[in-house]
C-alpha cells in the first residue's frame, strides 16, 4: 500500500523543500495543498481518514507547513479536531522548519553540556517561532531562561505563553542593538541565537572568553552571522572557552531529524509531532 502524505501548507505556494524531504524520507506520493486555511482542513482530513480502514491508516499522514508558524498551529489544531475514534492519521507540524530547527539546536547544546538544569540560558530573538520553541524546551529541561526582544511590550505575553505550554522559568529583556549584548550576557551560561538571517545580534567581544559561558549556538547561516566568531560549520568546536555550534553544524542534524520524523509518521496512525515530541525523536537519534 502506498505511503501517502497530505501536505497542508498555509503559504501561496506549497514548500518544494518540504516535498523533497518527504520523498527522501519514504513518502510514495505527496498530495500538496497550498494556501490552506482552517476552514479548509476538515474536508481535506476527512478525505484521508474515510478512504482506508483503521488498520491501513498508518499509511496515510499529514504534514503541516508554510512560512507562518502561527497559521500552522491553527491548521494542526483543526486537523486534530477533525479526527474521531480510530479514524485519525499521524501529523507533523514544522512550519518554516521552526520545530526541527529549534529542537536540533537545543538538543545539540544540551548533549554537549550533559544537562542544562539550573543553568542560565539566553535565547536571542526569543519571541520568534524558533526562539519560542527553543526557550520552551530549555525551560522544560530545568534551565533558567531569558529571551530577548526588540519590543519589550511583547515579551511578557510571550513568556507567559511559553511557560503555560512548557512550564519552567522564562523572563524577558530588551535587546535593541548589538551594543547592548554585553550587558545582557552577564551571568549567562548558554547563548542561543534565533535571530533573523544576516543580522549581527551578539558581537564577539560580548561572549568570547566570558567567565561561566559554556555553550554558544548560532542558527544564522547568512553573513554577517548572528553571533560573531562562531563558524557556520561548528559542531561542538571549542572557541574562546565555550563549545560552539553554527547554523550548518546544527542544520545537518536538523535534516536528519526532519527525515526521521516523516518516516515515523508512517509507523502508526495516532502520532502528533510538535516541538516536544520532535525532541523525543531527536534524543533517539543521538548516541547514548
C-alpha atoms as a PDB file:
ATOM      1  CA  UNK A   1       0.000   0.000   0.000  1.00  0.00           C
ATOM      2  CA  UNK A   2       1.333   3.439  -0.942  1.00  0.00           C
ATOM      3  CA  UNK A   3       2.510   5.783   1.799  1.00  0.00           C
ATOM      4  CA  UNK A   4       0.545   8.961   1.155  1.00  0.00           C
ATOM      5  CA  UNK A   5       1.422  12.320   2.711  1.00  0.00           C
ATOM      6  CA  UNK A   6      -1.067  15.201   2.683  1.00  0.00           C
ATOM      7  CA  UNK A   7       0.844  18.496   2.719  1.00  0.00           C
ATOM      8  CA  UNK A   8      -1.204  21.295   4.285  1.00  0.00           C
ATOM      9  CA  UNK A   9       0.733  24.476   3.514  1.00  0.00           C
ATOM     10  CA  UNK A  10      -0.558  27.857   4.636  1.00  0.00           C
ATOM     11  CA  UNK A  11       1.527  29.750   2.054  1.00  0.00           C
ATOM     12  CA  UNK A  12       0.519  30.646  -1.502  1.00  0.00           C
ATOM     13  CA  UNK A  13       2.972  28.097  -2.894  1.00  0.00           C
ATOM     14  CA  UNK A  14       3.489  24.777  -1.150  1.00  0.00           C
ATOM     15  CA  UNK A  15       7.090  24.294   0.001  1.00  0.00           C
ATOM     16  CA  UNK A  16       9.182  22.320  -2.503  1.00  0.00           C
ATOM     17  CA  UNK A  17      11.798  21.870   0.241  1.00  0.00           C
ATOM     18  CA  UNK A  18       9.297  20.010   2.408  1.00  0.00           C
ATOM     19  CA  UNK A  19       8.213  17.876  -0.532  1.00  0.00           C
ATOM     20  CA  UNK A  20      11.776  16.831  -1.369  1.00  0.00           C
ATOM     21  CA  UNK A  21      12.497  15.914   2.250  1.00  0.00           C
ATOM     22  CA  UNK A  22       9.266  13.915   2.424  1.00  0.00           C
ATOM     23  CA  UNK A  23      10.156  11.891  -0.666  1.00  0.00           C
ATOM     24  CA  UNK A  24      13.636  11.285   0.723  1.00  0.00           C
ATOM     25  CA  UNK A  25      12.004  10.098   3.944  1.00  0.00           C
ATOM     26  CA  UNK A  26       9.918   7.367   2.332  1.00  0.00           C
ATOM     27  CA  UNK A  27       6.665   9.002   1.224  1.00  0.00           C
ATOM     28  CA  UNK A  28       5.451   7.433  -2.044  1.00  0.00           C
ATOM     29  CA  UNK A  29       3.064  10.213  -3.007  1.00  0.00           C
ATOM     30  CA  UNK A  30       2.601  13.769  -1.717  1.00  0.00           C
ATOM     31  CA  UNK A  31      -0.767  15.470  -2.048  1.00  0.00           C
ATOM     32  CA  UNK A  32       0.169  19.148  -1.806  1.00  0.00           C
ATOM     33  CA  UNK A  33      -2.393  21.762  -0.883  1.00  0.00           C
ATOM     34  CA  UNK A  34      -1.319  25.415  -0.754  1.00  0.00           C
ATOM     35  CA  UNK A  35      -2.989  28.479   0.735  1.00  0.00           C
ATOM     36  CA  UNK A  36      -4.788  26.241   3.229  1.00  0.00           C
ATOM     37  CA  UNK A  37      -6.948  27.902   5.897  1.00  0.00           C
ATOM     38  CA  UNK A  38      -8.630  26.498   8.993  1.00  0.00           C
ATOM     39  CA  UNK A  39     -11.913  26.288   7.114  1.00  0.00           C
ATOM     40  CA  UNK A  40     -10.349  24.008   4.511  1.00  0.00           C
ATOM     41  CA  UNK A  41      -8.868  21.486   6.900  1.00  0.00           C
ATOM     42  CA  UNK A  42     -11.816  19.327   7.936  1.00  0.00           C
ATOM     43  CA  UNK A  43     -12.783  18.201   4.442  1.00  0.00           C
ATOM     44  CA  UNK A  44      -9.157  17.575   3.464  1.00  0.00           C
ATOM     45  CA  UNK A  45      -8.589  15.489   6.585  1.00  0.00           C
ATOM     46  CA  UNK A  46     -11.806  13.563   6.064  1.00  0.00           C
ATOM     47  CA  UNK A  47     -10.547  12.678   2.599  1.00  0.00           C
ATOM     48  CA  UNK A  48      -7.629  10.984   4.357  1.00  0.00           C
ATOM     49  CA  UNK A  49      -9.449   9.129   7.101  1.00  0.00           C
ATOM     50  CA  UNK A  50     -12.554   7.875   5.253  1.00  0.00           C
ATOM     51  CA  UNK A  51     -10.753   6.164   2.358  1.00  0.00           C
ATOM     52  CA  UNK A  52      -8.798   3.481   4.217  1.00  0.00           C
ATOM     53  CA  UNK A  53      -9.678   1.121   7.040  1.00  0.00           C
ATOM     54  CA  UNK A  54      -8.377   1.852  10.569  1.00  0.00           C
ATOM     55  CA  UNK A  55      -5.609  -0.753  10.252  1.00  0.00           C
ATOM     56  CA  UNK A  56      -4.457   0.831   6.991  1.00  0.00           C
ATOM     57  CA  UNK A  57      -4.494   4.468   8.139  1.00  0.00           C
ATOM     58  CA  UNK A  58      -0.870   4.350   9.243  1.00  0.00           C
ATOM     59  CA  UNK A  59      -0.071   4.501   5.525  1.00  0.00           C
ATOM     60  CA  UNK A  60      -1.574   7.995   5.352  1.00  0.00           C
ATOM     61  CA  UNK A  61      -0.106  11.008   7.184  1.00  0.00           C
ATOM     62  CA  UNK A  62      -0.283  14.805   7.260  1.00  0.00           C
ATOM     63  CA  UNK A  63       2.499  17.395   7.191  1.00  0.00           C
ATOM     64  CA  UNK A  64       1.597  20.955   8.216  1.00  0.00           C
ATOM     65  CA  UNK A  65       3.929  23.618   6.835  1.00  0.00           C
ATOM     66  CA  UNK A  66       4.141  27.086   5.372  1.00  0.00           C
ATOM     67  CA  UNK A  67       6.111  30.185   6.295  1.00  0.00           C
ATOM     68  CA  UNK A  68       3.852  31.207   9.202  1.00  0.00           C
ATOM     69  CA  UNK A  69       4.078  29.086  12.361  1.00  0.00           C
ATOM     70  CA  UNK A  70       1.036  30.702  13.970  1.00  0.00           C
ATOM     71  CA  UNK A  71      -1.020  29.735  10.912  1.00  0.00           C
ATOM     72  CA  UNK A  72       0.467  26.243  11.057  1.00  0.00           C
ATOM     73  CA  UNK A  73      -0.558  25.846  14.688  1.00  0.00           C
ATOM     74  CA  UNK A  74      -4.140  26.662  13.733  1.00  0.00           C
ATOM     75  CA  UNK A  75      -4.073  24.103  10.919  1.00  0.00           C
ATOM     76  CA  UNK A  76      -2.721  21.452  13.302  1.00  0.00           C
ATOM     77  CA  UNK A  77      -5.480  22.167  15.811  1.00  0.00           C
ATOM     78  CA  UNK A  78      -8.112  21.991  13.059  1.00  0.00           C
ATOM     79  CA  UNK A  79      -6.732  18.663  11.832  1.00  0.00           C
ATOM     80  CA  UNK A  80      -6.849  17.155  15.306  1.00  0.00           C
ATOM     81  CA  UNK A  81     -10.405  18.408  15.736  1.00  0.00           C
ATOM     82  CA  UNK A  82     -11.414  16.588  12.531  1.00  0.00           C
ATOM     83  CA  UNK A  83     -10.305  13.198  13.911  1.00  0.00           C
ATOM     84  CA  UNK A  84     -12.585  10.939  15.900  1.00  0.00           C
ATOM     85  CA  UNK A  85     -12.373   7.448  17.328  1.00  0.00           C
ATOM     86  CA  UNK A  86      -9.889   5.275  15.415  1.00  0.00           C
ATOM     87  CA  UNK A  87     -10.298   7.454  12.331  1.00  0.00           C
ATOM     88  CA  UNK A  88      -7.152   9.524  12.563  1.00  0.00           C
ATOM     89  CA  UNK A  89      -3.709   9.750  10.976  1.00  0.00           C
ATOM     90  CA  UNK A  90      -0.333  10.939  12.239  1.00  0.00           C
ATOM     91  CA  UNK A  91       0.505  14.627  11.840  1.00  0.00           C
ATOM     92  CA  UNK A  92       3.722  16.652  11.912  1.00  0.00           C
ATOM     93  CA  UNK A  93       3.913  20.441  12.367  1.00  0.00           C
ATOM     94  CA  UNK A  94       7.068  22.124  11.086  1.00  0.00           C
ATOM     95  CA  UNK A  95       6.088  25.449   9.539  1.00  0.00           C
ATOM     96  CA  UNK A  96       9.199  27.178   8.197  1.00  0.00           C
ATOM     97  CA  UNK A  97      11.268  24.415   9.792  1.00  0.00           C
ATOM     98  CA  UNK A  98      10.769  26.073  13.177  1.00  0.00           C
ATOM     99  CA  UNK A  99      10.258  22.921  15.242  1.00  0.00           C
ATOM    100  CA  UNK A 100      13.035  20.796  13.772  1.00  0.00           C
ATOM    101  CA  UNK A 101      15.495  23.713  13.759  1.00  0.00           C
ATOM    102  CA  UNK A 102      14.825  24.709  17.363  1.00  0.00           C
ATOM    103  CA  UNK A 103      14.945  21.120  18.561  1.00  0.00           C
ATOM    104  CA  UNK A 104      18.198  20.366  16.730  1.00  0.00           C
ATOM    105  CA  UNK A 105      19.967  23.355  18.262  1.00  0.00           C
ATOM    106  CA  UNK A 106      18.643  22.762  21.763  1.00  0.00           C
ATOM    107  CA  UNK A 107      19.421  19.042  21.765  1.00  0.00           C
ATOM    108  CA  UNK A 108      22.944  19.674  20.451  1.00  0.00           C
ATOM    109  CA  UNK A 109      23.745  22.118  23.252  1.00  0.00           C
ATOM    110  CA  UNK A 110      22.113  20.007  25.965  1.00  0.00           C
ATOM    111  CA  UNK A 111      24.018  16.907  24.889  1.00  0.00           C
ATOM    112  CA  UNK A 112      27.291  18.866  24.880  1.00  0.00           C
ATOM    113  CA  UNK A 113      26.719  20.013  28.458  1.00  0.00           C
ATOM    114  CA  UNK A 114      25.112  16.857  29.808  1.00  0.00           C
ATOM    115  CA  UNK A 115      22.324  18.888  31.416  1.00  0.00           C
ATOM    116  CA  UNK A 116      21.029  22.448  31.397  1.00  0.00           C
ATOM    117  CA  UNK A 117      19.071  22.089  34.624  1.00  0.00           C
ATOM    118  CA  UNK A 118      19.648  25.189  36.739  1.00  0.00           C
ATOM    119  CA  UNK A 119      21.776  26.856  34.075  1.00  0.00           C
ATOM    120  CA  UNK A 120      21.118  30.367  32.833  1.00  0.00           C
ATOM    121  CA  UNK A 121      20.202  30.333  29.145  1.00  0.00           C
ATOM    122  CA  UNK A 122      19.819  33.383  26.904  1.00  0.00           C
ATOM    123  CA  UNK A 123      17.692  32.915  23.769  1.00  0.00           C
ATOM    124  CA  UNK A 124      18.288  35.881  21.473  1.00  0.00           C
ATOM    125  CA  UNK A 125      15.205  36.840  19.427  1.00  0.00           C
ATOM    126  CA  UNK A 126      13.139  34.605  21.677  1.00  0.00           C
ATOM    127  CA  UNK A 127       9.766  35.969  20.610  1.00  0.00           C
ATOM    128  CA  UNK A 128      10.031  34.423  17.135  1.00  0.00           C
ATOM    129  CA  UNK A 129       8.790  30.896  16.365  1.00  0.00           C
ATOM    130  CA  UNK A 130      12.200  29.209  16.642  1.00  0.00           C
ATOM    131  CA  UNK A 131      13.136  31.237  19.694  1.00  0.00           C
ATOM    132  CA  UNK A 132       9.900  30.468  21.493  1.00  0.00           C
ATOM    133  CA  UNK A 133      10.297  26.733  20.981  1.00  0.00           C
ATOM    134  CA  UNK A 134      13.945  26.785  21.981  1.00  0.00           C
ATOM    135  CA  UNK A 135      13.145  28.763  25.121  1.00  0.00           C
ATOM    136  CA  UNK A 136      10.317  26.380  25.979  1.00  0.00           C
ATOM    137  CA  UNK A 137      12.455  23.271  25.541  1.00  0.00           C
ATOM    138  CA  UNK A 138      15.229  24.730  27.694  1.00  0.00           C
ATOM    139  CA  UNK A 139      12.710  25.743  30.355  1.00  0.00           C
ATOM    140  CA  UNK A 140      11.157  22.286  30.301  1.00  0.00           C
ATOM    141  CA  UNK A 141      14.644  20.848  30.902  1.00  0.00           C
ATOM    142  CA  UNK A 142      15.009  22.972  34.034  1.00  0.00           C
ATOM    143  CA  UNK A 143      17.057  25.902  32.727  1.00  0.00           C
ATOM    144  CA  UNK A 144      16.532  29.482  33.875  1.00  0.00           C
ATOM    145  CA  UNK A 145      15.672  31.061  30.551  1.00  0.00           C
ATOM    146  CA  UNK A 146      15.819  34.669  29.423  1.00  0.00           C
ATOM    147  CA  UNK A 147      14.568  35.687  25.984  1.00  0.00           C
ATOM    148  CA  UNK A 148      15.442  38.915  24.222  1.00  0.00           C
ATOM    149  CA  UNK A 149      13.170  41.102  22.146  1.00  0.00           C
ATOM    150  CA  UNK A 150      13.318  44.442  20.427  1.00  0.00           C
ATOM    151  CA  UNK A 151       9.782  45.118  21.650  1.00  0.00           C
ATOM    152  CA  UNK A 152       9.547  44.639  25.431  1.00  0.00           C
ATOM    153  CA  UNK A 153       5.763  45.088  25.281  1.00  0.00           C
ATOM    154  CA  UNK A 154       5.596  41.696  23.543  1.00  0.00           C
ATOM    155  CA  UNK A 155       7.958  39.989  25.931  1.00  0.00           C
ATOM    156  CA  UNK A 156       5.684  39.394  28.915  1.00  0.00           C
ATOM    157  CA  UNK A 157       2.956  37.941  26.718  1.00  0.00           C
ATOM    158  CA  UNK A 158       5.383  35.573  25.002  1.00  0.00           C
ATOM    159  CA  UNK A 159       6.983  34.495  28.292  1.00  0.00           C
ATOM    160  CA  UNK A 160       3.564  33.705  29.748  1.00  0.00           C
ATOM    161  CA  UNK A 161       2.639  31.654  26.671  1.00  0.00           C
ATOM    162  CA  UNK A 162       5.922  29.704  26.787  1.00  0.00           C
ATOM    163  CA  UNK A 163       5.573  28.892  30.484  1.00  0.00           C
ATOM    164  CA  UNK A 164       1.924  27.901  30.065  1.00  0.00           C
ATOM    165  CA  UNK A 165       2.868  25.325  27.442  1.00  0.00           C
ATOM    166  CA  UNK A 166       6.285  24.125  28.598  1.00  0.00           C
ATOM    167  CA  UNK A 167       6.427  25.074  32.272  1.00  0.00           C
ATOM    168  CA  UNK A 168       9.628  26.254  33.914  1.00  0.00           C
ATOM    169  CA  UNK A 169      11.037  29.757  34.283  1.00  0.00           C
ATOM    170  CA  UNK A 170      11.217  32.305  31.450  1.00  0.00           C
ATOM    171  CA  UNK A 171      11.728  36.066  31.579  1.00  0.00           C
ATOM    172  CA  UNK A 172      12.432  38.755  29.020  1.00  0.00           C
ATOM    173  CA  UNK A 173      14.956  41.564  28.465  1.00  0.00           C
ATOM    174  CA  UNK A 174      15.243  44.178  25.746  1.00  0.00           C
ATOM    175  CA  UNK A 175      17.996  43.865  23.119  1.00  0.00           C
ATOM    176  CA  UNK A 176      17.509  46.540  20.501  1.00  0.00           C
ATOM    177  CA  UNK A 177      21.143  46.938  19.452  1.00  0.00           C
ATOM    178  CA  UNK A 178      24.248  44.696  19.439  1.00  0.00           C
ATOM    179  CA  UNK A 179      25.935  47.249  21.681  1.00  0.00           C
ATOM    180  CA  UNK A 180      23.589  46.125  24.472  1.00  0.00           C
ATOM    181  CA  UNK A 181      24.632  42.475  24.200  1.00  0.00           C
ATOM    182  CA  UNK A 182      27.488  42.724  26.683  1.00  0.00           C
ATOM    183  CA  UNK A 183      25.163  43.782  29.500  1.00  0.00           C
ATOM    184  CA  UNK A 184      22.529  41.187  28.554  1.00  0.00           C
ATOM    185  CA  UNK A 185      25.157  38.422  28.612  1.00  0.00           C
ATOM    186  CA  UNK A 186      26.001  38.938  32.277  1.00  0.00           C
ATOM    187  CA  UNK A 187      25.868  35.584  34.113  1.00  0.00           C
ATOM    188  CA  UNK A 188      24.735  33.640  31.034  1.00  0.00           C
ATOM    189  CA  UNK A 189      25.954  30.047  30.657  1.00  0.00           C
ATOM    190  CA  UNK A 190      24.293  29.134  27.338  1.00  0.00           C
ATOM    191  CA  UNK A 191      23.815  31.552  24.417  1.00  0.00           C
ATOM    192  CA  UNK A 192      21.314  30.547  21.713  1.00  0.00           C
ATOM    193  CA  UNK A 193      20.723  32.892  18.778  1.00  0.00           C
ATOM    194  CA  UNK A 194      17.442  32.524  16.893  1.00  0.00           C
ATOM    195  CA  UNK A 195      17.646  35.928  15.242  1.00  0.00           C
ATOM    196  CA  UNK A 196      16.920  36.776  11.599  1.00  0.00           C
ATOM    197  CA  UNK A 197      19.281  35.855   8.773  1.00  0.00           C
ATOM    198  CA  UNK A 198      22.102  38.272   8.043  1.00  0.00           C
ATOM    199  CA  UNK A 199      21.740  40.285  11.259  1.00  0.00           C
ATOM    200  CA  UNK A 200      24.526  40.547  13.834  1.00  0.00           C
ATOM    201  CA  UNK A 201      22.970  40.147  17.272  1.00  0.00           C
ATOM    202  CA  UNK A 202      25.928  39.402  19.573  1.00  0.00           C
ATOM    203  CA  UNK A 203      29.417  40.812  18.840  1.00  0.00           C
ATOM    204  CA  UNK A 204      32.397  38.614  19.647  1.00  0.00           C
ATOM    205  CA  UNK A 205      33.526  40.915  22.447  1.00  0.00           C
ATOM    206  CA  UNK A 206      30.257  40.256  24.280  1.00  0.00           C
ATOM    207  CA  UNK A 207      30.785  36.496  24.611  1.00  0.00           C
ATOM    208  CA  UNK A 208      34.342  35.381  23.780  1.00  0.00           C
ATOM    209  CA  UNK A 209      36.253  34.414  26.898  1.00  0.00           C
ATOM    210  CA  UNK A 210      33.343  35.349  29.153  1.00  0.00           C
ATOM    211  CA  UNK A 211      33.645  33.634  32.515  1.00  0.00           C
ATOM    212  CA  UNK A 212      30.965  30.997  33.062  1.00  0.00           C
ATOM    213  CA  UNK A 213      29.807  30.797  29.427  1.00  0.00           C
ATOM    214  CA  UNK A 214      29.695  27.113  28.461  1.00  0.00           C
ATOM    215  CA  UNK A 215      27.961  26.871  25.066  1.00  0.00           C
ATOM    216  CA  UNK A 216      27.034  29.059  22.105  1.00  0.00           C
ATOM    217  CA  UNK A 217      24.611  28.198  19.277  1.00  0.00           C
ATOM    218  CA  UNK A 218      24.001  30.478  16.284  1.00  0.00           C
ATOM    219  CA  UNK A 219      21.294  29.468  13.809  1.00  0.00           C
ATOM    220  CA  UNK A 220      22.070  32.241  11.306  1.00  0.00           C
ATOM    221  CA  UNK A 221      23.952  30.993   8.232  1.00  0.00           C
ATOM    222  CA  UNK A 222      23.853  34.280   6.267  1.00  0.00           C
ATOM    223  CA  UNK A 223      26.687  36.818   6.731  1.00  0.00           C
ATOM    224  CA  UNK A 224      27.002  38.711   8.927  1.00  0.00           C
ATOM    225  CA  UNK A 225      26.448  35.836  11.339  1.00  0.00           C
ATOM    226  CA  UNK A 226      24.244  36.346  14.361  1.00  0.00           C
ATOM    227  CA  UNK A 227      26.979  35.552  16.872  1.00  0.00           C
ATOM    228  CA  UNK A 228      30.273  36.973  15.685  1.00  0.00           C
ATOM    229  CA  UNK A 229      33.137  34.493  15.949  1.00  0.00           C
ATOM    230  CA  UNK A 230      31.096  31.302  15.568  1.00  0.00           C
ATOM    231  CA  UNK A 231      31.701  29.482  12.283  1.00  0.00           C
ATOM    232  CA  UNK A 232      28.672  28.168  10.381  1.00  0.00           C
ATOM    233  CA  UNK A 233      30.243  24.689  10.304  1.00  0.00           C
ATOM    234  CA  UNK A 234      30.956  24.496  14.038  1.00  0.00           C
ATOM    235  CA  UNK A 235      29.568  21.315  15.531  1.00  0.00           C
ATOM    236  CA  UNK A 236      30.849  21.151  19.082  1.00  0.00           C
ATOM    237  CA  UNK A 237      34.028  23.176  18.417  1.00  0.00           C
ATOM    238  CA  UNK A 238      35.708  24.847  21.384  1.00  0.00           C
ATOM    239  CA  UNK A 239      36.118  28.572  20.818  1.00  0.00           C
ATOM    240  CA  UNK A 240      37.176  31.094  23.431  1.00  0.00           C
ATOM    241  CA  UNK A 241      36.166  28.843  26.308  1.00  0.00           C
ATOM    242  CA  UNK A 242      32.763  27.752  25.011  1.00  0.00           C
ATOM    243  CA  UNK A 243      31.568  24.808  22.915  1.00  0.00           C
ATOM    244  CA  UNK A 244      30.140  26.279  19.712  1.00  0.00           C
ATOM    245  CA  UNK A 245      27.516  25.233  17.189  1.00  0.00           C
ATOM    246  CA  UNK A 246      26.945  27.024  13.892  1.00  0.00           C
ATOM    247  CA  UNK A 247      23.984  27.010  11.529  1.00  0.00           C
ATOM    248  CA  UNK A 248      25.312  24.261   9.268  1.00  0.00           C
ATOM    249  CA  UNK A 249      26.578  22.224  12.200  1.00  0.00           C
ATOM    250  CA  UNK A 250      23.047  22.259  13.569  1.00  0.00           C
ATOM    251  CA  UNK A 251      21.478  22.078  10.104  1.00  0.00           C
ATOM    252  CA  UNK A 252      22.938  18.686   9.272  1.00  0.00           C
ATOM    253  CA  UNK A 253      21.266  17.217  12.338  1.00  0.00           C
ATOM    254  CA  UNK A 254      18.064  19.173  11.615  1.00  0.00           C
ATOM    255  CA  UNK A 255      17.806  17.468   8.230  1.00  0.00           C
ATOM    256  CA  UNK A 256      18.406  14.036   9.742  1.00  0.00           C
ATOM    257  CA  UNK A 257      15.727  14.795  12.331  1.00  0.00           C
ATOM    258  CA  UNK A 258      13.251  16.067   9.728  1.00  0.00           C
ATOM    259  CA  UNK A 259      13.618  12.882   7.684  1.00  0.00           C
ATOM    260  CA  UNK A 260      13.323  10.660  10.749  1.00  0.00           C
ATOM    261  CA  UNK A 261      10.114  12.411  11.809  1.00  0.00           C
ATOM    262  CA  UNK A 262       8.484  11.991   8.399  1.00  0.00           C
ATOM    263  CA  UNK A 263       9.396   8.299   8.400  1.00  0.00           C
ATOM    264  CA  UNK A 264       7.983   7.962  11.928  1.00  0.00           C
ATOM    265  CA  UNK A 265       4.588   9.260  10.765  1.00  0.00           C
ATOM    266  CA  UNK A 266       4.030   6.013   8.856  1.00  0.00           C
ATOM    267  CA  UNK A 267       4.732   3.755  11.859  1.00  0.00           C
ATOM    268  CA  UNK A 268       1.302   4.408  13.406  1.00  0.00           C
ATOM    269  CA  UNK A 269      -1.808   6.466  12.806  1.00  0.00           C
ATOM    270  CA  UNK A 270      -2.054   8.477  16.036  1.00  0.00           C
ATOM    271  CA  UNK A 271       1.253  10.333  16.347  1.00  0.00           C
ATOM    272  CA  UNK A 272       1.342  14.122  16.738  1.00  0.00           C
ATOM    273  CA  UNK A 273       4.806  15.550  16.121  1.00  0.00           C
ATOM    274  CA  UNK A 274       5.165  19.048  17.568  1.00  0.00           C
ATOM    275  CA  UNK A 275       8.143  20.570  19.399  1.00  0.00           C
ATOM    276  CA  UNK A 276       8.107  18.258  22.423  1.00  0.00           C
ATOM    277  CA  UNK A 277       7.561  15.019  20.542  1.00  0.00           C
ATOM    278  CA  UNK A 278      10.051  16.014  17.848  1.00  0.00           C
ATOM    279  CA  UNK A 279      12.535  16.482  20.686  1.00  0.00           C
ATOM    280  CA  UNK A 280      11.822  12.905  21.770  1.00  0.00           C
ATOM    281  CA  UNK A 281      12.669  11.711  18.258  1.00  0.00           C
ATOM    282  CA  UNK A 282      15.876  13.772  18.300  1.00  0.00           C
ATOM    283  CA  UNK A 283      17.031  12.205  21.556  1.00  0.00           C
ATOM    284  CA  UNK A 284      16.724   8.788  19.966  1.00  0.00           C
ATOM    285  CA  UNK A 285      18.934   9.777  17.030  1.00  0.00           C
ATOM    286  CA  UNK A 286      21.970  10.720  19.107  1.00  0.00           C
ATOM    287  CA  UNK A 287      24.344   8.256  20.765  1.00  0.00           C
ATOM    288  CA  UNK A 288      23.534   7.435  24.373  1.00  0.00           C
END
